[in-house]
Amino acid sequence: MAHDVEVCLGDFTLEHGGVLRDDVVRGRLYGPKGAPIIVVPGGISASRFVADGIDGKDGSGGWWSDVIYPGGPIDLNHVQVLGFDCAPGAGNSETRLTITTNDQAKRLAALLDHLNIERVHSLIGMSYGGMIALAFAQKFPNRVENLCIFGAAHRPWPMGVALRGIQRRTIELATRLGEPLEGLKLARELAMTTYRSAEEFGERFLATPNKDTTAPFPATFDVGDYLESRGRHYKNIMPVNRFLALSESIDLHTVDPAKIHARTTLIAVRSDQLAPPCEMQALCDALSGRAELHVINSIYGHDSFLKATDLLAPILSDFVGGCRRAA
């Protein structure tokens, strides 16, 4: 049984001085009451609906429902899972806001306070959610026992900063031309090339013109059709200002690993263009607490937490089981 929880923060002042007006922090709680709490924040497009099958109430579905279920790697027979919405109010602001992972950590802490949860068993964070988890562990060291981080480090990778900067400037240019949603569509198309790997694209697409003799030039390509479909879908579900705020938030992220003492499991993918294994290793070496790094092979790159769950399952099962034994 799952149910939504929320807490109203009112006007929430951000680290860099902006204000989230009438901010409401929303979460979704799964699993048996009284079981250890595991918080699962995801990427910038993820929602609190982490384990609802295919029919999440906001249309996003249960984005990790093949990992979180009774008897699963994250076993809802034995733990509670709390999903978390990352600052959705930023998309309703008339002006662009600057939000940091420290701001997100404070919002998460407010939700835990509302639930009377003093200390969580674990934080399992992917991509941007991993950055939030690291910021939370630094800011509230006594409130988390264990961390599992996929595809996120203590700082953004420079190539990722470069590509996200191009995405934001694309939106800014399109906005000046009166077409902000077209800018968001193109930004998402570029982002998809960073979430996946060249190897996957090589296996999936032909990179030869589509064989439609009636179509005028310029030529179209199957890989371009795929990216356009992803962009068209995204502009219907992601507010422009929210995307801009969370994209910038990734690039502003920084924590001091020496201030993080929680037991930590890190997962890296060799084909990840945004959080490569070398950067995850640097984080592992700098953490103060006990830490281990798993490096997996997957053609899905940064999106492997969504697409290669068969490879993640034993790592996650060991992590959750080890945490239960250590508790």
C-alpha atoms as a PDB file:
ATOM      1  CA  MET A   1       0.000   0.000   0.000  1.00  0.00           C
ATOM      2  CA  ALA A   2       1.355   3.434  -0.911  1.00  0.00           C
ATOM      3  CA  HIS A   3       0.213   6.897   0.066  1.00  0.00           C
ATOM      4  CA  ASP A   4       1.246  10.464  -0.641  1.00  0.00           C
ATOM      5  CA  VAL A   5       2.600  12.803   2.012  1.00  0.00           C
ATOM      6  CA  GLU A   6       3.262  16.512   1.766  1.00  0.00           C
ATOM      7  CA  VAL A   7       4.362  19.483   3.808  1.00  0.00           C
ATOM      8  CA  CYS A   8       3.856  23.159   2.972  1.00  0.00           C
ATOM      9  CA  LEU A   9       6.990  25.259   3.495  1.00  0.00           C
ATOM     10  CA  GLY A  10       5.386  28.549   2.503  1.00  0.00           C
ATOM     11  CA  ASP A  11       7.841  30.911   0.838  1.00  0.00           C
ATOM     12  CA  PHE A  12      11.089  28.924   0.840  1.00  0.00           C
ATOM     13  CA  THR A  13      14.225  31.080   0.550  1.00  0.00           C
ATOM     14  CA  LEU A  14      16.882  29.478  -1.626  1.00  0.00           C
ATOM     15  CA  GLU A  15      20.626  29.405  -1.055  1.00  0.00           C
ATOM     16  CA  HIS A  16      21.288  31.972  -3.790  1.00  0.00           C
ATOM     17  CA  GLY A  17      18.520  34.317  -2.688  1.00  0.00           C
ATOM     18  CA  GLY A  18      15.489  33.412  -4.803  1.00  0.00           C
ATOM     19  CA  VAL A  19      12.202  32.348  -3.253  1.00  0.00           C
ATOM     20  CA  LEU A  20      10.044  29.322  -4.060  1.00  0.00           C
ATOM     21  CA  ARG A  21       6.571  30.757  -3.460  1.00  0.00           C
ATOM     22  CA  ASP A  22       4.130  28.537  -1.552  1.00  0.00           C
ATOM     23  CA  ASP A  23       6.533  25.610  -1.785  1.00  0.00           C
ATOM     24  CA  VAL A  24       5.008  22.201  -1.116  1.00  0.00           C
ATOM     25  CA  VAL A  25       7.299  19.191  -0.660  1.00  0.00           C
ATOM     26  CA  ARG A  26       5.636  15.996  -1.826  1.00  0.00           C
ATOM     27  CA  GLY A  27       6.677  12.430  -1.199  1.00  0.00           C
ATOM     28  CA  ARG A  28       5.174   8.980  -1.627  1.00  0.00           C
ATOM     29  CA  LEU A  29       5.615   6.279   0.991  1.00  0.00           C
ATOM     30  CA  TYR A  30       5.601   2.544   0.228  1.00  0.00           C
ATOM     31  CA  GLY A  31       6.005  -0.547   2.386  1.00  0.00           C
ATOM     32  CA  PRO A  32       5.053  -1.746   5.863  1.00  0.00           C
ATOM     33  CA  LYS A  33       4.654   0.830   8.608  1.00  0.00           C
ATOM     34  CA  GLY A  34       7.496   0.721  11.114  1.00  0.00           C
ATOM     35  CA  ALA A  35      10.015  -0.853   8.709  1.00  0.00           C
ATOM     36  CA  PRO A  36      13.361   0.895   8.066  1.00  0.00           C
ATOM     37  CA  ILE A  37      13.076   3.946   5.801  1.00  0.00           C
ATOM     38  CA  ILE A  38      14.926   4.143   2.477  1.00  0.00           C
ATOM     39  CA  VAL A  39      14.658   7.426   0.555  1.00  0.00           C
ATOM     40  CA  VAL A  40      14.969   7.153  -3.244  1.00  0.00           C
ATOM     41  CA  PRO A  41      15.450  10.434  -5.127  1.00  0.00           C
ATOM     42  CA  GLY A  42      15.890  10.139  -8.893  1.00  0.00           C
ATOM     43  CA  GLY A  43      16.991  12.269 -11.841  1.00  0.00           C
ATOM     44  CA  ILE A  44      15.613  15.675 -12.799  1.00  0.00           C
ATOM     45  CA  SER A  45      12.720  14.079 -14.678  1.00  0.00           C
ATOM     46  CA  ALA A  46      11.822  11.560 -11.976  1.00  0.00           C
ATOM     47  CA  SER A  47       8.926  11.891  -9.560  1.00  0.00           C
ATOM     48  CA  ARG A  48       7.870  10.536  -6.201  1.00  0.00           C
ATOM     49  CA  PHE A  49       6.160   7.635  -7.996  1.00  0.00           C
ATOM     50  CA  VAL A  50       9.010   5.149  -7.769  1.00  0.00           C
ATOM     51  CA  ALA A  51       7.094   1.875  -7.415  1.00  0.00           C
ATOM     52  CA  ASP A  52       3.592   2.265  -8.883  1.00  0.00           C
ATOM     53  CA  GLY A  53       3.929  -0.049 -11.860  1.00  0.00           C
ATOM     54  CA  ILE A  54       3.065   1.741 -15.081  1.00  0.00           C
ATOM     55  CA  ASP A  55       0.335   4.023 -13.777  1.00  0.00           C
ATOM     56  CA  GLY A  56       1.808   6.727 -11.555  1.00  0.00           C
ATOM     57  CA  LYS A  57      -0.849   9.346 -10.820  1.00  0.00           C
ATOM     58  CA  ASP A  58       1.078  12.132 -12.547  1.00  0.00           C
ATOM     59  CA  GLY A  59       1.586  10.053 -15.681  1.00  0.00           C
ATOM     60  CA  SER A  60       5.214   9.320 -14.931  1.00  0.00           C
ATOM     61  CA  GLY A  61       4.640   5.731 -13.881  1.00  0.00           C
ATOM     62  CA  GLY A  62       6.652   3.887 -11.296  1.00  0.00           C
ATOM     63  CA  TRP A  63      10.038   4.700 -12.743  1.00  0.00           C
ATOM     64  CA  TRP A  64      11.877   2.091 -10.599  1.00  0.00           C
ATOM     65  CA  SER A  65       9.087  -0.420 -10.129  1.00  0.00           C
ATOM     66  CA  ASP A  66      11.212  -3.260 -11.514  1.00  0.00           C
ATOM     67  CA  VAL A  67      13.638  -2.749  -8.595  1.00  0.00           C
ATOM     68  CA  ILE A  68      11.287  -1.785  -5.740  1.00  0.00           C
ATOM     69  CA  TYR A  69       8.598  -4.374  -5.027  1.00  0.00           C
ATOM     70  CA  PRO A  70       7.794  -7.110  -2.485  1.00  0.00           C
ATOM     71  CA  GLY A  71      10.567  -9.669  -2.797  1.00  0.00           C
ATOM     72  CA  GLY A  72      12.603  -7.384  -5.063  1.00  0.00           C
ATOM     73  CA  PRO A  73      16.174  -6.081  -4.752  1.00  0.00           C
ATOM     74  CA  ILE A  74      14.679  -3.306  -2.622  1.00  0.00           C
ATOM     75  CA  ASP A  75      12.190  -5.502  -0.825  1.00  0.00           C
ATOM     76  CA  LEU A  76       8.949  -3.843   0.228  1.00  0.00           C
ATOM     77  CA  ASN A  77       8.277  -6.755   2.562  1.00  0.00           C
ATOM     78  CA  HIS A  78      11.074  -5.500   4.801  1.00  0.00           C
ATOM     79  CA  VAL A  79      11.613  -1.782   4.146  1.00  0.00           C
ATOM     80  CA  GLN A  80       9.654   1.392   3.573  1.00  0.00           C
ATOM     81  CA  VAL A  81      10.574   3.488   0.540  1.00  0.00           C
ATOM     82  CA  LEU A  82      10.016   7.225   0.312  1.00  0.00           C
ATOM     83  CA  GLY A  83       9.920   8.792  -3.150  1.00  0.00           C
ATOM     84  CA  PHE A  84      10.536  12.533  -3.425  1.00  0.00           C
ATOM     85  CA  ASP A  85       9.581  15.303  -5.885  1.00  0.00           C
ATOM     86  CA  CYS A  86      12.445  17.696  -6.643  1.00  0.00           C
ATOM     87  CA  ALA A  87      11.173  21.297  -6.447  1.00  0.00           C
ATOM     88  CA  PRO A  88       8.256  21.072  -8.888  1.00  0.00           C
ATOM     89  CA  GLY A  89       7.273  24.606  -7.905  1.00  0.00           C
ATOM     90  CA  ALA A  90      10.253  25.921  -9.839  1.00  0.00           C
ATOM     91  CA  GLY A  91       8.330  25.252 -13.031  1.00  0.00           C
ATOM     92  CA  ASN A  92       5.471  27.470 -11.884  1.00  0.00           C
ATOM     93  CA  SER A  93       7.675  30.492 -11.214  1.00  0.00           C
ATOM     94  CA  GLU A  94       7.402  33.385 -13.659  1.00  0.00           C
ATOM     95  CA  THR A  95      11.120  33.979 -13.299  1.00  0.00           C
ATOM     96  CA  ARG A  96      13.996  31.551 -13.509  1.00  0.00           C
ATOM     97  CA  LEU A  97      15.194  30.414 -10.075  1.00  0.00           C
ATOM     98  CA  THR A  98      18.571  29.133  -8.918  1.00  0.00           C
ATOM     99  CA  ILE A  99      18.198  26.015  -6.773  1.00  0.00           C
ATOM    100  CA  THR A 100      21.086  24.041  -5.293  1.00  0.00           C
ATOM    101  CA  THR A 101      21.353  20.471  -4.075  1.00  0.00           C
ATOM    102  CA  ASN A 102      21.696  21.981  -0.584  1.00  0.00           C
ATOM    103  CA  ASP A 103      18.253  23.544  -1.065  1.00  0.00           C
ATOM    104  CA  GLN A 104      16.895  20.174  -2.105  1.00  0.00           C
ATOM    105  CA  ALA A 105      18.475  18.535   0.955  1.00  0.00           C
ATOM    106  CA  LYS A 106      16.725  21.056   3.208  1.00  0.00           C
ATOM    107  CA  ARG A 107      13.397  20.380   1.470  1.00  0.00           C
ATOM    108  CA  LEU A 108      13.874  16.646   1.996  1.00  0.00           C
ATOM    109  CA  ALA A 109      14.736  17.226   5.664  1.00  0.00           C
ATOM    110  CA  ALA A 110      11.489  19.186   6.066  1.00  0.00           C
ATOM    111  CA  LEU A 111       9.526  16.251   4.629  1.00  0.00           C
ATOM    112  CA  LEU A 112      11.236  13.845   7.039  1.00  0.00           C
ATOM    113  CA  ASP A 113      10.479  16.204   9.940  1.00  0.00           C
ATOM    114  CA  HIS A 114       6.826  16.205   8.908  1.00  0.00           C
ATOM    115  CA  LEU A 115       6.873  12.392   9.024  1.00  0.00           C
ATOM    116  CA  ASN A 116       8.654  12.415  12.412  1.00  0.00           C
ATOM    117  CA  ILE A 117      11.600  10.528  10.900  1.00  0.00           C
ATOM    118  CA  GLU A 118      14.744  11.507  12.759  1.00  0.00           C
ATOM    119  CA  ARG A 119      17.143   9.228  10.880  1.00  0.00           C
ATOM    120  CA  VAL A 120      16.803   7.282   7.651  1.00  0.00           C
ATOM    121  CA  HIS A 121      18.153   3.810   7.136  1.00  0.00           C
ATOM    122  CA  SER A 122      19.485   4.622   3.642  1.00  0.00           C
ATOM    123  CA  LEU A 123      19.476   7.109   0.809  1.00  0.00           C
ATOM    124  CA  ILE A 124      19.654   5.542  -2.662  1.00  0.00           C
ATOM    125  CA  GLY A 125      20.121   8.306  -5.218  1.00  0.00           C
ATOM    126  CA  MET A 126      20.529   8.192  -9.000  1.00  0.00           C
ATOM    127  CA  SER A 127      21.956  10.986 -11.160  1.00  0.00           C
ATOM    128  CA  TYR A 128      20.625  14.297  -9.763  1.00  0.00           C
ATOM    129  CA  GLY A 129      19.056  12.350  -6.913  1.00  0.00           C
ATOM    130  CA  GLY A 130      22.524  11.045  -6.058  1.00  0.00           C
ATOM    131  CA  MET A 131      23.743  14.628  -5.790  1.00  0.00           C
ATOM    132  CA  ILE A 132      20.857  15.429  -3.449  1.00  0.00           C
ATOM    133  CA  ALA A 133      21.731  12.372  -1.364  1.00  0.00           C
ATOM    134  CA  LEU A 134      25.362  13.466  -1.067  1.00  0.00           C
ATOM    135  CA  ALA A 135      24.320  17.009  -0.127  1.00  0.00           C
ATOM    136  CA  PHE A 136      21.923  15.620   2.494  1.00  0.00           C
ATOM    137  CA  ALA A 137      24.615  13.372   3.970  1.00  0.00           C
ATOM    138  CA  GLN A 138      26.973  16.340   4.272  1.00  0.00           C
ATOM    139  CA  LYS A 139      24.401  18.787   5.646  1.00  0.00           C
ATOM    140  CA  PHE A 140      22.637  16.330   7.980  1.00  0.00           C
ATOM    141  CA  PRO A 141      25.277  13.718   8.865  1.00  0.00           C
ATOM    142  CA  ASN A 142      23.334  12.372  11.847  1.00  0.00           C
ATOM    143  CA  ARG A 143      20.187  11.730   9.821  1.00  0.00           C
ATOM    144  CA  VAL A 144      21.436   9.063   7.386  1.00  0.00           C
ATOM    145  CA  GLU A 145      23.168   5.749   8.057  1.00  0.00           C
ATOM    146  CA  ASN A 146      23.920   4.477   4.551  1.00  0.00           C
ATOM    147  CA  LEU A 147      24.289   5.844   1.040  1.00  0.00           C
ATOM    148  CA  CYS A 148      24.041   4.187  -2.346  1.00  0.00           C
ATOM    149  CA  ILE A 149      24.925   6.549  -5.195  1.00  0.00           C
ATOM    150  CA  PHE A 150      24.630   5.843  -8.914  1.00  0.00           C
ATOM    151  CA  GLY A 151      25.982   8.180 -11.578  1.00  0.00           C
ATOM    152  CA  ALA A 152      26.728  11.164  -9.320  1.00  0.00           C
ATOM    153  CA  ALA A 153      29.883  12.504  -7.728  1.00  0.00           C
ATOM    154  CA  HIS A 154      30.922  15.311  -5.414  1.00  0.00           C
ATOM    155  CA  ARG A 155      31.153  17.717  -8.365  1.00  0.00           C
ATOM    156  CA  PRO A 156      29.849  17.819 -11.942  1.00  0.00           C
ATOM    157  CA  TRP A 157      32.008  16.402 -14.749  1.00  0.00           C
ATOM    158  CA  PRO A 158      33.276  19.263 -17.000  1.00  0.00           C
ATOM    159  CA  MET A 159      31.982  17.716 -20.228  1.00  0.00           C
ATOM    160  CA  GLY A 160      28.542  17.463 -18.669  1.00  0.00           C
ATOM    161  CA  VAL A 161      28.697  21.120 -17.634  1.00  0.00           C
ATOM    162  CA  ALA A 162      29.608  22.043 -21.208  1.00  0.00           C
ATOM    163  CA  LEU A 163      26.730  20.117 -22.768  1.00  0.00           C
ATOM    164  CA  ARG A 164      24.133  21.273 -20.246  1.00  0.00           C
ATOM    165  CA  GLY A 165      25.264  24.859 -20.850  1.00  0.00           C
ATOM    166  CA  ILE A 166      24.520  24.402 -24.555  1.00  0.00           C
ATOM    167  CA  GLN A 167      21.090  23.007 -23.664  1.00  0.00           C
ATOM    168  CA  ARG A 168      20.219  26.026 -21.502  1.00  0.00           C
ATOM    169  CA  ARG A 169      21.483  28.502 -24.088  1.00  0.00           C
ATOM    170  CA  THR A 170      19.399  26.740 -26.734  1.00  0.00           C
ATOM    171  CA  ILE A 171      16.301  27.324 -24.609  1.00  0.00           C
ATOM    172  CA  GLU A 172      17.294  30.940 -23.948  1.00  0.00           C
ATOM    173  CA  LEU A 173      17.721  31.600 -27.685  1.00  0.00           C
ATOM    174  CA  ALA A 174      14.434  29.901 -28.535  1.00  0.00           C
ATOM    175  CA  THR A 175      12.695  31.920 -25.801  1.00  0.00           C
ATOM    176  CA  ARG A 176      13.949  35.167 -27.329  1.00  0.00           C
ATOM    177  CA  LEU A 177      12.452  33.957 -30.613  1.00  0.00           C
ATOM    178  CA  GLY A 178       9.138  33.260 -28.907  1.00  0.00           C
ATOM    179  CA  GLU A 179       9.478  29.440 -28.992  1.00  0.00           C
ATOM    180  CA  PRO A 180      10.623  28.290 -25.518  1.00  0.00           C
ATOM    181  CA  LEU A 181       9.079  24.815 -25.878  1.00  0.00           C
ATOM    182  CA  GLU A 182      10.920  24.236 -29.142  1.00  0.00           C
ATOM    183  CA  GLY A 183      14.111  25.142 -27.300  1.00  0.00           C
ATOM    184  CA  LEU A 184      13.258  22.643 -24.561  1.00  0.00           C
ATOM    185  CA  LYS A 185      12.606  19.991 -27.216  1.00  0.00           C
ATOM    186  CA  LEU A 186      16.055  20.517 -28.757  1.00  0.00           C
ATOM    187  CA  ALA A 187      17.685  20.598 -25.319  1.00  0.00           C
ATOM    188  CA  ARG A 188      16.146  17.233 -24.503  1.00  0.00           C
ATOM    189  CA  GLU A 189      17.323  15.779 -27.822  1.00  0.00           C
ATOM    190  CA  LEU A 190      20.890  16.803 -27.004  1.00  0.00           C
ATOM    191  CA  ALA A 191      20.528  15.507 -23.451  1.00  0.00           C
ATOM    192  CA  MET A 192      19.505  12.067 -24.720  1.00  0.00           C
ATOM    193  CA  THR A 193      22.835  11.751 -26.535  1.00  0.00           C
ATOM    194  CA  THR A 194      24.577  12.208 -23.172  1.00  0.00           C
ATOM    195  CA  TYR A 195      22.350   9.811 -21.242  1.00  0.00           C
ATOM    196  CA  ARG A 196      23.061   6.896 -23.579  1.00  0.00           C
ATOM    197  CA  SER A 197      26.267   5.642 -25.196  1.00  0.00           C
ATOM    198  CA  ALA A 198      27.729   5.642 -28.690  1.00  0.00           C
ATOM    199  CA  GLU A 199      27.751   1.839 -28.528  1.00  0.00           C
ATOM    200  CA  GLU A 200      23.999   1.676 -27.963  1.00  0.00           C
ATOM    201  CA  PHE A 201      23.300   4.106 -30.801  1.00  0.00           C
ATOM    202  CA  GLY A 202      25.588   2.032 -33.031  1.00  0.00           C
ATOM    203  CA  GLU A 203      23.548  -1.086 -32.286  1.00  0.00           C
ATOM    204  CA  ARG A 204      20.115   0.525 -32.596  1.00  0.00           C
ATOM    205  CA  PHE A 205      20.389   2.877 -35.549  1.00  0.00           C
ATOM    206  CA  LEU A 206      21.564   2.653 -39.155  1.00  0.00           C
ATOM    207  CA  ALA A 207      22.712   6.271 -39.624  1.00  0.00           C
ATOM    208  CA  THR A 208      21.580   6.085 -43.234  1.00  0.00           C
ATOM    209  CA  PRO A 209      18.757   8.169 -44.722  1.00  0.00           C
ATOM    210  CA  ASN A 210      15.220   6.905 -44.198  1.00  0.00           C
ATOM    211  CA  LYS A 211      13.992   5.144 -47.335  1.00  0.00           C
ATOM    212  CA  ASP A 212      10.997   7.258 -48.230  1.00  0.00           C
ATOM    213  CA  THR A 213      11.337   8.202 -51.878  1.00  0.00           C
ATOM    214  CA  THR A 214       8.387  10.607 -51.659  1.00  0.00           C
ATOM    215  CA  ALA A 215       9.911  12.683 -48.861  1.00  0.00           C
ATOM    216  CA  PRO A 216      11.651  15.894 -49.899  1.00  0.00           C
ATOM    217  CA  PHE A 217      15.146  16.739 -48.810  1.00  0.00           C
ATOM    218  CA  PRO A 218      16.702  17.423 -46.358  1.00  0.00           C
ATOM    219  CA  ALA A 219      17.056  13.747 -45.568  1.00  0.00           C
ATOM    220  CA  THR A 220      15.822  12.259 -42.307  1.00  0.00           C
ATOM    221  CA  PHE A 221      17.489   9.537 -40.239  1.00  0.00           C
ATOM    222  CA  ASP A 222      16.227   6.956 -37.782  1.00  0.00           C
ATOM    223  CA  VAL A 223      18.425   8.257 -34.971  1.00  0.00           C
ATOM    224  CA  GLY A 224      17.100  11.762 -35.585  1.00  0.00           C
ATOM    225  CA  ASP A 225      13.520  10.486 -35.549  1.00  0.00           C
ATOM    226  CA  TYR A 226      14.174   8.824 -32.191  1.00  0.00           C
ATOM    227  CA  LEU A 227      15.634  11.978 -30.664  1.00  0.00           C
ATOM    228  CA  GLU A 228      12.806  14.119 -32.021  1.00  0.00           C
ATOM    229  CA  SER A 229      10.226  11.787 -30.479  1.00  0.00           C
ATOM    230  CA  ARG A 230      11.953  12.074 -27.100  1.00  0.00           C
ATOM    231  CA  GLY A 231      12.025  15.858 -27.413  1.00  0.00           C
ATOM    232  CA  ARG A 232       8.357  16.118 -28.392  1.00  0.00           C
ATOM    233  CA  HIS A 233       7.342  13.981 -25.418  1.00  0.00           C
ATOM    234  CA  TYR A 234       9.492  15.926 -22.978  1.00  0.00           C
ATOM    235  CA  LYS A 235       8.160  19.370 -23.845  1.00  0.00           C
ATOM    236  CA  ASN A 236       4.700  18.125 -22.857  1.00  0.00           C
ATOM    237  CA  ILE A 237       5.715  17.014 -19.359  1.00  0.00           C
ATOM    238  CA  MET A 238       8.550  19.333 -18.235  1.00  0.00           C
ATOM    239  CA  PRO A 239       8.004  23.057 -17.516  1.00  0.00           C
ATOM    240  CA  VAL A 240      10.759  25.144 -19.104  1.00  0.00           C
ATOM    241  CA  ASN A 241      11.741  27.024 -15.944  1.00  0.00           C
ATOM    242  CA  ARG A 242      11.892  23.818 -13.935  1.00  0.00           C
ATOM    243  CA  PHE A 243      14.258  22.264 -16.469  1.00  0.00           C
ATOM    244  CA  LEU A 244      16.464  25.367 -16.449  1.00  0.00           C
ATOM    245  CA  ALA A 245      16.576  25.442 -12.643  1.00  0.00           C
ATOM    246  CA  LEU A 246      17.419  21.763 -12.213  1.00  0.00           C
ATOM    247  CA  SER A 247      19.928  21.706 -15.084  1.00  0.00           C
ATOM    248  CA  GLU A 248      21.784  24.621 -13.488  1.00  0.00           C
ATOM    249  CA  SER A 249      21.485  22.932 -10.092  1.00  0.00           C
ATOM    250  CA  ILE A 250      23.512  19.983 -11.382  1.00  0.00           C
ATOM    251  CA  ASP A 251      26.290  22.324 -12.507  1.00  0.00           C
ATOM    252  CA  LEU A 252      26.322  24.176  -9.173  1.00  0.00           C
ATOM    253  CA  HIS A 253      26.524  20.964  -7.144  1.00  0.00           C
ATOM    254  CA  THR A 254      29.526  20.555  -4.872  1.00  0.00           C
ATOM    255  CA  VAL A 255      30.112  18.702  -1.621  1.00  0.00           C
ATOM    256  CA  ASP A 256      33.201  17.953   0.450  1.00  0.00           C
ATOM    257  CA  PRO A 257      33.545  14.136   0.551  1.00  0.00           C
ATOM    258  CA  ALA A 258      35.631  14.399   3.717  1.00  0.00           C
ATOM    259  CA  LYS A 259      32.501  15.599   5.530  1.00  0.00           C
ATOM    260  CA  ILE A 260      30.469  12.541   4.539  1.00  0.00           C
ATOM    261  CA  HIS A 261      30.794   9.715   7.058  1.00  0.00           C
ATOM    262  CA  ALA A 262      27.925   7.386   6.094  1.00  0.00           C
ATOM    263  CA  ARG A 263      28.656   3.888   4.846  1.00  0.00           C
ATOM    264  CA  THR A 264      28.592   4.321   1.056  1.00  0.00           C
ATOM    265  CA  THR A 265      28.195   2.103  -1.988  1.00  0.00           C
ATOM    266  CA  LEU A 266      28.955   3.766  -5.317  1.00  0.00           C
ATOM    267  CA  ILE A 267      27.936   2.410  -8.721  1.00  0.00           C
ATOM    268  CA  ALA A 268      29.546   3.603 -11.948  1.00  0.00           C
ATOM    269  CA  VAL A 269      29.107   2.555 -15.581  1.00  0.00           C
ATOM    270  CA  ARG A 270      32.039   2.425 -17.962  1.00  0.00           C
ATOM    271  CA  SER A 271      30.007   4.046 -20.735  1.00  0.00           C
ATOM    272  CA  ASP A 272      28.637   6.878 -18.552  1.00  0.00           C
ATOM    273  CA  GLN A 273      29.522  10.242 -20.148  1.00  0.00           C
ATOM    274  CA  LEU A 274      28.272  12.350 -17.224  1.00  0.00           C
ATOM    275  CA  ALA A 275      29.738  10.577 -14.170  1.00  0.00           C
ATOM    276  CA  PRO A 276      32.601   8.436 -15.497  1.00  0.00           C
ATOM    277  CA  PRO A 277      34.230   5.767 -13.317  1.00  0.00           C
ATOM    278  CA  CYS A 278      37.366   7.863 -12.777  1.00  0.00           C
ATOM    279  CA  GLU A 279      35.297  10.580 -11.115  1.00  0.00           C
ATOM    280  CA  MET A 280      33.345   8.076  -9.044  1.00  0.00           C
ATOM    281  CA  GLN A 281      36.659   6.572  -7.939  1.00  0.00           C
ATOM    282  CA  ALA A 282      37.873  10.015  -6.882  1.00  0.00           C
ATOM    283  CA  LEU A 283      34.747  10.392  -4.752  1.00  0.00           C
ATOM    284  CA  CYS A 284      35.196   6.921  -3.269  1.00  0.00           C
ATOM    285  CA  ASP A 285      38.790   7.665  -2.291  1.00  0.00           C
ATOM    286  CA  ALA A 286      37.877  10.972  -0.650  1.00  0.00           C
ATOM    287  CA  LEU A 287      34.903   9.861   1.447  1.00  0.00           C
ATOM    288  CA  SER A 288      35.513   9.702   5.202  1.00  0.00           C
ATOM    289  CA  GLY A 289      33.282   6.727   5.862  1.00  0.00           C
ATOM    290  CA  ARG A 290      33.560   3.167   4.674  1.00  0.00           C
ATOM    291  CA  ALA A 291      33.090   3.165   0.886  1.00  0.00           C
ATOM    292  CA  GLU A 292      33.158   0.771  -2.048  1.00  0.00           C
ATOM    293  CA  LEU A 293      32.833   1.280  -5.788  1.00  0.00           C
ATOM    294  CA  HIS A 294      31.187  -1.112  -8.241  1.00  0.00           C
ATOM    295  CA  VAL A 295      31.881  -0.545 -11.951  1.00  0.00           C
ATOM    296  CA  ILE A 296      29.511  -2.253 -14.363  1.00  0.00           C
ATOM    297  CA  ASN A 297      29.508  -2.734 -18.125  1.00  0.00           C
ATOM    298  CA  SER A 298      26.375  -1.532 -19.881  1.00  0.00           C
ATOM    299  CA  ILE A 299      25.708   0.040 -23.261  1.00  0.00           C
ATOM    300  CA  TYR A 300      23.047   2.263 -21.680  1.00  0.00           C
ATOM    301  CA  GLY A 301      25.468   4.779 -20.180  1.00  0.00           C
ATOM    302  CA  HIS A 302      24.059   7.205 -17.634  1.00  0.00           C
ATOM    303  CA  ASP A 303      20.575   5.719 -18.105  1.00  0.00           C
ATOM    304  CA  SER A 304      21.721   2.297 -16.927  1.00  0.00           C
ATOM    305  CA  PHE A 305      19.916   2.798 -13.617  1.00  0.00           C
ATOM    306  CA  LEU A 306      16.709   2.632 -15.675  1.00  0.00           C
ATOM    307  CA  LYS A 307      17.733   0.220 -18.432  1.00  0.00           C
ATOM    308  CA  ALA A 308      20.212  -2.222 -16.847  1.00  0.00           C
ATOM    309  CA  THR A 309      18.392  -3.071 -13.645  1.00  0.00           C
ATOM    310  CA  ASP A 310      19.377  -6.734 -13.999  1.00  0.00           C
ATOM    311  CA  LEU A 311      22.989  -5.669 -13.409  1.00  0.00           C
ATOM    312  CA  LEU A 312      22.067  -3.381 -10.525  1.00  0.00           C
ATOM    313  CA  ALA A 313      19.777  -5.848  -8.753  1.00  0.00           C
ATOM    314  CA  PRO A 314      22.444  -7.938  -6.964  1.00  0.00           C
ATOM    315  CA  ILE A 315      24.363  -4.825  -5.897  1.00  0.00           C
ATOM    316  CA  LEU A 316      21.235  -3.199  -4.515  1.00  0.00           C
ATOM    317  CA  SER A 317      20.102  -6.406  -2.833  1.00  0.00           C
ATOM    318  CA  ASP A 318      23.486  -6.778  -1.123  1.00  0.00           C
ATOM    319  CA  PHE A 319      23.448  -3.101  -0.128  1.00  0.00           C
ATOM    320  CA  VAL A 320      19.993  -3.240   1.455  1.00  0.00           C
ATOM    321  CA  GLY A 321      20.657  -6.628   3.049  1.00  0.00           C
ATOM    322  CA  GLY A 322      24.013  -5.503   4.376  1.00  0.00           C
ATOM    323  CA  CYS A 323      22.442  -2.390   5.829  1.00  0.00           C
ATOM    324  CA  ARG A 324      19.763  -4.483   7.560  1.00  0.00           C
ATOM    325  CA  ARG A 325      22.401  -6.794   9.018  1.00  0.00           C
ATOM    326  CA  ALA A 326      24.508  -3.836  10.178  1.00  0.00           C
ATOM    327  CA  ALA A 327      21.519  -2.065  11.748  1.00  0.00           C
END
